[in-house]
Amino acid sequence: MKLYEITIKPVSGFGTPLKGDTLFGHFCWQAAYDPKILNGGIDKWIACYGEKPFAVFSTAWPKLCENGEWFYAVKRPDIPLTHIFSDTYKDKRKSMEARKANARKKWILIPNDLHMDLSPDRFKSDDDILKIVKREATGEIKKYIRGKSRQKFLEDFNQAHNTINRETSTTGVGMFAPYAQTATFYYPETQLAVFVLVDEEATDIERVFTALARIGQFGYGRDASTGCGRYDMGNIELREIPNIDNADACYTLAPSIPKKSIFRQCYFSPFTRFGRHGDILARSSNPFKNPVIMIDEGAVLIPNDISTIKTPYFGRPALNVSKVISQAVTQGYTPWLPFKMEKQA
């Protein structure tokens, strides 16, 4: 498989986070409606998905430029803070303040070559990320943002909705009662990077790009019909799969379901995907899929022997997730980055 980076540019809020397994589901619907997306059609490749994934999507990560160099801001690895930051303060109050400050550093910057390390200066808070994007913003955006009292890199916004009862021409109670939905907005001009592993026997990156462009045009995730989930497309770049000779750990770039007996130690946040069908099946009598327990992106897995992981992805799919479509699967694979753990547990 080949590793590609596709840049997308949000132009609206998102009701559903841009996670790898959801992007995969949207891609499958594109392939279902357009047989040219996958050679031989979607049914052929879903049938062998458990042994041979045709595409593996990462979660979308902010792509930042600082001092002329590009970085990716990804989730801080799910390892104890003591593995990253040293407590050098003898004063208990200063030590506690330092721990609180470090806990706010939820991002780690990875350079353009995708070589990851745990140097403390690579970890950033939301405020740090905001400062970087503000420095690189165009004059038009700086003028637009100037004077706004509260600025965040990621902002949640509650959008009011209502449904009109056509008999009374008013809102009311029950299904006609006003309600609010939350959408997440990125700072203007933010670019996001999606890493995609592509099996070129099944498709090519141009067709994957076409599918993602259609998703961005018509809307991704919840509330797409009311304007959420829109993005423009950026560039495609072929990336070299990282290879670090002394690596002893794996960092995951998407939610995943690891295979048993491969890893001797795991640091992760559990994530339950309460999935539902998309497209026309969203209006079926049973639109919901069975819940899938996964490990969230940002997990750190230490294998028994990292050389045994021969592919640029690992994991396994979740099968039998639907009572409506027996062939439905959930992406349990993830691209991963090798790196060296500075401290062992």
Protein backbone atom coordinates (compact mmCIF):
# COMPACT_ATOMS: atom_id res chain seq x y z
CA MET A 1 0.00 0.00 0.00
CA LYS A 2 1.06 3.59 -0.59
CA LEU A 3 0.66 6.40 1.93
CA TYR A 4 -0.82 9.70 0.74
CA GLU A 5 -1.69 12.96 2.43
CA ILE A 6 -4.82 14.80 1.30
CA THR A 7 -5.33 18.34 2.54
CA ILE A 8 -8.86 19.59 3.20
CA LYS A 9 -9.99 23.11 4.12
CA PRO A 10 -13.08 23.45 6.35
CA VAL A 11 -15.65 26.01 5.24
CA SER A 12 -18.34 25.22 7.84
CA GLY A 13 -18.78 23.66 11.25
CA PHE A 14 -18.77 19.91 11.80
CA GLY A 15 -21.49 18.06 13.64
CA THR A 16 -19.46 14.83 13.51
CA PRO A 17 -15.71 14.68 14.27
CA LEU A 18 -13.53 13.88 11.25
CA LYS A 19 -12.39 10.48 12.51
CA GLY A 20 -10.88 7.83 10.26
CA ASP A 21 -13.61 5.19 10.65
CA THR A 22 -16.35 7.69 9.74
CA LEU A 23 -14.41 8.95 6.72
CA PHE A 24 -14.11 5.31 5.62
CA GLY A 25 -17.88 4.86 5.91
CA HIS A 26 -18.54 7.95 3.80
CA PHE A 27 -16.03 6.71 1.22
CA CYS A 28 -17.84 3.36 1.03
CA TRP A 29 -21.13 5.11 0.23
CA GLN A 30 -19.40 7.00 -2.58
CA ALA A 31 -18.06 3.69 -3.93
CA ALA A 32 -21.51 2.12 -3.66
CA TYR A 33 -23.05 4.81 -5.89
CA ASP A 34 -20.11 5.13 -8.27
CA PRO A 35 -18.75 1.71 -9.37
CA LYS A 36 -15.73 3.41 -10.95
CA ILE A 37 -14.33 4.35 -7.51
CA LEU A 38 -13.22 0.76 -6.81
CA ASN A 39 -12.10 -1.72 -9.44
CA GLY A 40 -14.76 -4.41 -9.51
CA GLY A 41 -17.15 -2.52 -7.24
CA ILE A 42 -17.62 -2.15 -3.50
CA ASP A 43 -19.03 -5.66 -2.89
CA LYS A 44 -15.86 -7.33 -4.17
CA TRP A 45 -13.59 -5.42 -1.79
CA ILE A 46 -15.87 -5.53 1.24
CA ALA A 47 -15.92 -9.33 0.92
CA CYS A 48 -12.14 -9.50 1.50
CA TYR A 49 -11.86 -6.46 3.76
CA GLY A 50 -11.04 -8.57 6.81
CA GLU A 51 -7.87 -9.89 5.19
CA LYS A 52 -7.03 -7.09 2.76
CA PRO A 53 -8.22 -3.51 3.37
CA PHE A 54 -8.52 -1.49 0.16
CA ALA A 55 -8.11 1.87 1.95
CA VAL A 56 -7.27 2.95 5.49
CA PHE A 57 -8.11 6.50 6.57
CA SER A 58 -6.60 8.49 9.40
CA THR A 59 -8.43 11.08 11.45
CA ALA A 60 -8.08 14.61 10.03
CA TRP A 61 -5.29 16.52 11.80
CA PRO A 62 -4.51 20.26 11.76
CA LYS A 63 -1.66 21.19 9.43
CA LEU A 64 0.28 24.23 10.63
CA CYS A 65 3.08 26.38 9.29
CA GLU A 66 5.54 27.96 11.70
CA ASN A 67 8.62 29.90 10.58
CA GLY A 68 8.30 28.46 7.09
CA GLU A 69 8.14 24.81 8.25
CA TRP A 70 5.07 22.60 8.15
CA PHE A 71 3.92 20.57 11.14
CA TYR A 72 0.99 18.35 12.01
CA ALA A 73 -0.78 18.88 15.32
CA VAL A 74 -1.97 15.49 16.53
CA LYS A 75 -3.42 14.35 19.82
CA ARG A 76 -1.01 14.06 22.73
CA PRO A 77 -0.13 10.36 23.13
CA ASP A 78 -2.22 8.60 25.75
CA ILE A 79 0.71 7.93 28.04
CA PRO A 80 1.22 9.23 31.60
CA LEU A 81 2.51 12.79 31.76
CA THR A 82 5.48 11.51 33.78
CA HIS A 83 6.70 9.77 30.60
CA ILE A 84 6.93 13.19 28.93
CA PHE A 85 7.58 15.90 31.49
CA SER A 86 10.08 15.78 34.34
CA ASP A 87 9.06 17.26 37.69
CA THR A 88 12.11 19.26 38.76
CA TYR A 89 10.38 21.49 41.32
CA LYS A 90 10.94 20.85 45.01
CA ASP A 91 8.24 23.33 45.94
CA LYS A 92 4.87 21.50 45.96
CA ARG A 93 2.90 24.50 44.76
CA LYS A 94 5.16 25.09 41.75
CA SER A 95 5.11 21.38 41.01
CA MET A 96 1.29 21.35 41.01
CA GLU A 97 1.13 24.44 38.77
CA ALA A 98 3.58 22.84 36.33
CA ARG A 99 1.48 19.66 36.21
CA LYS A 100 -1.67 21.65 35.46
CA ALA A 101 0.10 23.58 32.70
CA ASN A 102 1.43 20.36 31.18
CA ALA A 103 -2.00 18.71 31.33
CA ARG A 104 -3.34 21.52 29.11
CA LYS A 105 -0.85 20.60 26.38
CA LYS A 106 -3.22 18.37 24.44
CA TRP A 107 -1.33 18.47 21.13
CA ILE A 108 2.04 17.25 19.92
CA LEU A 109 3.65 18.74 16.82
CA ILE A 110 5.03 16.24 14.31
CA PRO A 111 7.38 17.55 11.61
CA ASN A 112 6.74 17.12 7.92
CA ASP A 113 8.88 13.97 7.74
CA LEU A 114 6.48 12.27 10.23
CA HIS A 115 9.32 11.38 12.59
CA MET A 116 7.80 11.64 16.04
CA ASP A 117 9.57 12.10 19.36
CA LEU A 118 8.50 13.01 22.88
CA SER A 119 10.60 16.13 23.40
CA PRO A 120 8.69 18.33 25.89
CA ASP A 121 8.95 21.40 23.65
CA ARG A 122 6.84 19.66 20.97
CA PHE A 123 3.75 19.60 23.18
CA LYS A 124 1.31 22.49 22.80
CA SER A 125 -1.91 23.72 24.36
CA ASP A 126 -4.95 25.05 22.49
CA ASP A 127 -3.68 28.57 23.15
CA ASP A 128 -0.26 27.69 21.69
CA ILE A 129 -1.89 26.31 18.54
CA LEU A 130 -4.05 29.43 18.27
CA LYS A 131 -0.98 31.66 18.40
CA ILE A 132 0.64 29.69 15.56
CA VAL A 133 -2.40 29.89 13.26
CA LYS A 134 -2.95 33.59 14.05
CA ARG A 135 0.63 34.42 13.07
CA GLU A 136 0.17 32.69 9.72
CA ALA A 137 -3.31 34.07 9.03
CA THR A 138 -3.83 36.40 6.08
CA GLY A 139 -4.45 40.10 6.59
CA GLU A 140 -8.11 39.68 5.67
CA ILE A 141 -8.67 37.10 8.42
CA LYS A 142 -6.74 39.15 10.98
CA LYS A 143 -8.94 42.13 10.16
CA TYR A 144 -12.10 40.03 10.45
CA ILE A 145 -11.07 38.48 13.80
CA ARG A 146 -9.73 41.70 15.33
CA GLY A 147 -11.83 42.91 18.24
CA LYS A 148 -13.57 39.62 18.92
CA SER A 149 -13.36 39.09 22.65
CA ARG A 150 -13.08 35.30 22.66
CA GLN A 151 -10.93 33.48 20.15
CA LYS A 152 -10.28 29.74 20.10
CA PHE A 153 -8.66 27.32 17.71
CA LEU A 154 -11.68 25.00 18.07
CA GLU A 155 -15.01 26.60 18.96
CA ASP A 156 -18.28 24.82 19.73
CA PHE A 157 -21.37 26.69 18.58
CA ASN A 158 -24.97 25.84 19.48
CA GLN A 159 -27.24 26.27 16.48
CA ALA A 160 -30.97 26.59 17.16
CA HIS A 161 -33.34 24.51 15.03
CA ASN A 162 -37.07 24.06 14.90
CA THR A 163 -39.64 22.12 12.94
CA ILE A 164 -42.89 23.70 11.78
CA ASN A 165 -46.18 21.94 12.31
CA ARG A 166 -47.85 22.45 8.92
CA GLU A 167 -51.33 22.16 10.42
CA THR A 168 -50.83 25.03 12.88
CA SER A 169 -47.89 26.85 11.17
CA THR A 170 -46.15 27.01 14.54
CA THR A 171 -43.64 25.09 16.59
CA GLY A 172 -44.91 23.26 19.62
CA VAL A 173 -44.12 20.25 21.78
CA GLY A 174 -42.76 16.82 20.95
CA MET A 175 -41.30 16.48 17.47
CA PHE A 176 -42.09 20.15 16.73
CA ALA A 177 -40.32 21.57 19.79
CA PRO A 178 -37.31 23.85 19.15
CA TYR A 179 -33.94 22.24 19.83
CA ALA A 180 -30.24 23.02 19.50
CA GLN A 181 -27.35 21.10 17.91
CA THR A 182 -23.67 21.70 18.54
CA ALA A 183 -21.20 22.12 15.69
CA THR A 184 -17.43 22.52 16.00
CA PHE A 185 -15.71 25.26 14.00
CA TYR A 186 -12.00 25.53 13.25
CA TYR A 187 -10.16 28.84 13.23
CA PRO A 188 -10.52 30.45 9.74
CA GLU A 189 -8.08 29.19 7.07
CA THR A 190 -7.17 26.08 9.08
CA GLN A 191 -5.98 23.21 6.92
CA LEU A 192 -6.49 19.57 7.88
CA ALA A 193 -4.41 16.60 6.73
CA VAL A 194 -5.97 13.19 6.14
CA PHE A 195 -3.50 10.34 5.69
CA VAL A 196 -4.77 7.56 3.45
CA LEU A 197 -3.24 4.16 2.76
CA VAL A 198 -4.36 2.98 -0.67
CA ASP A 199 -4.20 -0.50 -2.19
CA GLU A 200 -3.61 0.38 -5.84
CA GLU A 201 -5.00 -2.97 -6.93
CA ALA A 202 -8.37 -1.65 -5.74
CA THR A 203 -8.21 2.05 -6.62
CA ASP A 204 -5.87 5.01 -6.97
CA ILE A 205 -5.45 8.26 -5.08
CA GLU A 206 -7.17 10.33 -7.79
CA ARG A 207 -10.41 8.39 -7.30
CA VAL A 208 -10.08 8.59 -3.51
CA PHE A 209 -9.62 12.36 -3.92
CA THR A 210 -12.73 12.53 -6.10
CA ALA A 211 -14.78 10.69 -3.48
CA LEU A 212 -13.59 12.95 -0.66
CA ALA A 213 -14.29 16.03 -2.79
CA ARG A 214 -17.90 14.91 -3.27
CA ILE A 215 -18.26 14.34 0.48
CA GLY A 216 -16.98 17.86 1.16
CA GLN A 217 -19.33 19.32 -1.42
CA PHE A 218 -22.52 17.67 -0.16
CA GLY A 219 -21.63 17.53 3.54
CA TYR A 220 -20.01 15.17 6.01
CA GLY A 221 -21.67 13.69 9.09
CA ARG A 222 -24.53 15.00 11.16
CA ASP A 223 -26.54 18.00 9.95
CA ALA A 224 -25.02 17.88 6.48
CA SER A 225 -28.47 18.77 5.10
CA THR A 226 -28.43 22.04 7.07
CA GLY A 227 -24.93 23.15 6.01
CA CYS A 228 -22.53 21.32 8.33
CA GLY A 229 -19.59 19.19 7.22
CA ARG A 230 -18.49 21.25 4.21
CA TYR A 231 -14.88 21.56 3.14
CA ASP A 232 -12.80 22.42 0.08
CA MET A 233 -10.02 20.23 -1.23
CA GLY A 234 -6.32 21.01 -1.13
CA ASN A 235 -3.34 19.10 -2.46
CA ILE A 236 -2.38 15.44 -2.71
CA GLU A 237 1.10 14.43 -1.61
CA LEU A 238 2.74 11.01 -1.73
CA ARG A 239 4.34 10.41 1.66
CA GLU A 240 7.16 8.13 2.66
CA ILE A 241 6.14 5.61 5.28
CA PRO A 242 8.28 6.43 8.36
CA ASN A 243 10.94 3.95 9.38
CA ILE A 244 12.79 4.51 12.65
CA ASP A 245 15.40 1.85 13.33
CA ASN A 246 15.32 2.12 17.13
CA ALA A 247 11.53 2.52 17.42
CA ASP A 248 9.84 0.43 20.07
CA ALA A 249 6.30 1.88 20.11
CA CYS A 250 3.39 2.62 17.77
CA TYR A 251 1.27 5.78 17.70
CA THR A 252 -2.19 5.38 16.17
CA LEU A 253 -3.68 7.99 13.81
CA ALA A 254 -7.31 6.76 13.87
CA PRO A 255 -9.67 4.77 16.10
CA SER A 256 -8.82 1.08 15.84
CA ILE A 257 -9.34 -2.47 17.11
CA PRO A 258 -5.91 -4.08 17.69
CA LYS A 259 -5.40 -7.80 17.26
CA LYS A 260 -4.70 -9.87 20.33
CA SER A 261 -1.29 -11.08 21.49
CA ILE A 262 0.73 -8.60 19.40
CA PHE A 263 1.23 -5.88 22.02
CA ARG A 264 2.69 -6.33 25.47
CA GLN A 265 1.65 -2.91 26.75
CA CYS A 266 -1.06 -0.47 25.69
CA TYR A 267 -1.88 3.12 26.63
CA PHE A 268 -5.20 4.31 25.21
CA SER A 269 -8.53 6.03 25.76
CA PRO A 270 -11.53 3.77 25.08
CA PHE A 271 -13.91 4.97 22.40
CA THR A 272 -17.35 3.54 21.66
CA ARG A 273 -18.67 4.08 18.17
CA PHE A 274 -22.44 4.30 18.28
CA GLY A 275 -22.68 4.13 14.52
CA ARG A 276 -25.65 4.60 12.31
CA HIS A 277 -26.31 4.02 8.66
CA GLY A 278 -25.95 6.85 6.20
CA ASP A 279 -27.72 7.89 3.05
CA ILE A 280 -31.15 6.31 2.43
CA LEU A 281 -30.70 3.83 5.28
CA ALA A 282 -30.62 6.70 7.76
CA ARG A 283 -34.41 6.83 7.26
CA SER A 284 -34.95 3.07 7.51
CA SER A 285 -36.84 1.36 10.33
CA ASN A 286 -33.53 0.52 12.03
CA PRO A 287 -30.88 3.13 11.17
CA PHE A 288 -28.57 2.26 14.07
CA LYS A 289 -25.60 -0.08 13.98
CA ASN A 290 -24.39 -2.21 16.86
CA PRO A 291 -21.99 -0.31 19.18
CA VAL A 292 -18.29 -0.98 18.58
CA ILE A 293 -15.71 -0.56 21.35
CA MET A 294 -12.43 0.74 19.95
CA ILE A 295 -9.28 2.47 21.14
CA ASP A 296 -9.25 6.12 20.20
CA GLU A 297 -6.63 7.81 18.05
CA GLY A 298 -3.54 8.85 19.96
CA ALA A 299 -3.04 5.43 21.55
CA VAL A 300 0.47 4.17 22.22
CA LEU A 301 0.94 0.43 21.75
CA ILE A 302 4.19 -1.35 22.56
CA PRO A 303 4.52 -4.57 20.56
CA ASN A 304 6.35 -7.69 21.62
CA ASP A 305 8.56 -7.13 18.59
CA ILE A 306 7.97 -4.10 16.38
CA SER A 307 9.64 -5.85 13.44
CA THR A 308 6.69 -8.27 13.31
CA ILE A 309 4.38 -5.45 12.14
CA LYS A 310 5.05 -5.71 8.42
CA THR A 311 2.35 -3.34 7.16
CA PRO A 312 1.93 0.44 7.54
CA TYR A 313 -1.39 -0.27 9.28
CA PHE A 314 -2.62 -2.66 11.93
CA GLY A 315 -5.92 -3.65 13.50
CA ARG A 316 -8.96 -5.60 12.36
CA PRO A 317 -12.42 -4.67 11.11
CA ALA A 318 -15.62 -4.87 13.13
CA LEU A 319 -17.99 -7.24 11.36
CA ASN A 320 -21.71 -7.97 11.92
CA VAL A 321 -22.33 -4.38 12.96
CA SER A 322 -25.64 -4.05 11.12
CA LYS A 323 -28.97 -5.86 11.29
CA VAL A 324 -29.98 -4.25 7.99
CA ILE A 325 -26.93 -4.91 5.77
CA SER A 326 -25.02 -8.08 6.62
CA GLN A 327 -21.95 -6.92 4.64
CA ALA A 328 -21.54 -3.69 6.63
CA VAL A 329 -18.15 -3.25 8.31
CA THR A 330 -16.49 -0.66 10.52
CA GLN A 331 -12.89 0.36 9.87
CA GLY A 332 -10.87 -1.02 12.75
CA TYR A 333 -7.56 -0.45 10.98
CA THR A 334 -5.33 2.53 11.61
CA PRO A 335 -2.20 4.00 10.03
CA TRP A 336 0.55 4.18 12.66
CA LEU A 337 3.76 6.04 13.30
CA PRO A 338 6.80 4.33 14.86
CA PHE A 339 8.68 6.20 17.56
CA LYS A 340 11.03 5.71 20.47
CA MET A 341 9.64 5.80 23.99
CA GLU A 342 11.98 7.86 26.12
CA LYS A 343 10.84 6.13 29.29
CA GLN A 344 9.48 2.68 29.84
CA ALA A 345 6.72 1.90 32.31
